Amino acid sequence: MKRAVSISLGSSQRDKKVVIKLKDQDIEVERIGTDGDVERATRLFGELDGKVDAFGVGGVDLYLRLDQREYPLHAALKLVRDVKKTPLCDGRGLKQTLERRVFTLLKPQLGELHFKQGFVPVAVDRPGLAQAVSEVADRTIFGDLMVALGVPIPIYDIPAFKRIARVMLPVVSHFPMDMIFYGSSGEIHKPKYVKYFAGSDLIAGDFLFMRKYMPENLSGKTVVTNTTTEENVQLLKERGVSTVITTTPRFDGRSFGTNMMEAALTAYAGKGRRLTDEELNELIDLLEIKPSVIHL
């Protein structure tokens, strides 16, 4: 049986191991959270190198993509410095393929979707989803400056987001670990930037960024996210969300992060390297990988 392991800086409370079937292959997928322990995560990558078929890197990105360019996050790359054999997947491939196609893949199930306003709390780590949201919403607001950097300035539309990203990413590339680690302590933080959540009928992006500031009332809204546990879905239901779309499929009540799912597809392909966008898109179609929809 092939094995894909995601080693995450996030909370161990979100750990999960399950065997999934892709066509005729069983793949064991496992998430191991290290509770922010950088040394432990680094050690685990080194110890398991060559012993598993693919690594997922969770809680942090190794590279951020903008159009055809990738910007390395140097602090994150130190985590995997001892990995020499096993392919490394931080999810940026699926963020550019599966998430870019999320609404297209949902058409047979949900038809043509249209929203008045989309709010993406942080778009820089999910450019494919950001583009997808902008195509189904009359107006899109990106909260990168607010949520990620604490600068209370919203960004409107994709061209403006890209202009700012081109300036910021070379700087972000050199941020220390405590500025690029998402964090996933499980705590619910104080609502902030409420008017952007309240004024949007579509909220999309990483669940941890979303949860950090989301208000008590999200009645009638559609949320597009991933890496959700059953408890996370229950929280969104309590807040009044009408529909939850996870960009990755759900297995045993849990949707894994793009890094874990990309590692599973990489293990399935057996090429001993990361897959290209073209190869990922081919596998998405071949294996009928689709987002999941939960009506609350």
Foldseek 3Di string as FASTA:
>chain_A
DAEEEEEECEDQVLWDWDWDDQPHDTYIYTYGHDVNPLVVLLVVLLVCAVVHQAYFYYQFAQWWDDVHDTQGQVQSVSSNPNRDFHAYFPLQLCLQALLLCFQVLCCVPPNQAAWAEEEELACRRRVSNQVNVLVRYPWYWYNNCCLLVNDPDIATDDVRVSVVCVVCRNVSSHDHPVSGRLYPPPDQAEADPACNLVVTQEYEDEVSSCRNHYDLANANHEYEYFFDAQVNVVSCVSNRYFKYKYSFDDDPRHGHHSSRVQRRVSSVVSPSYRDHSVVVNVSCVVSVTHIDMDGD
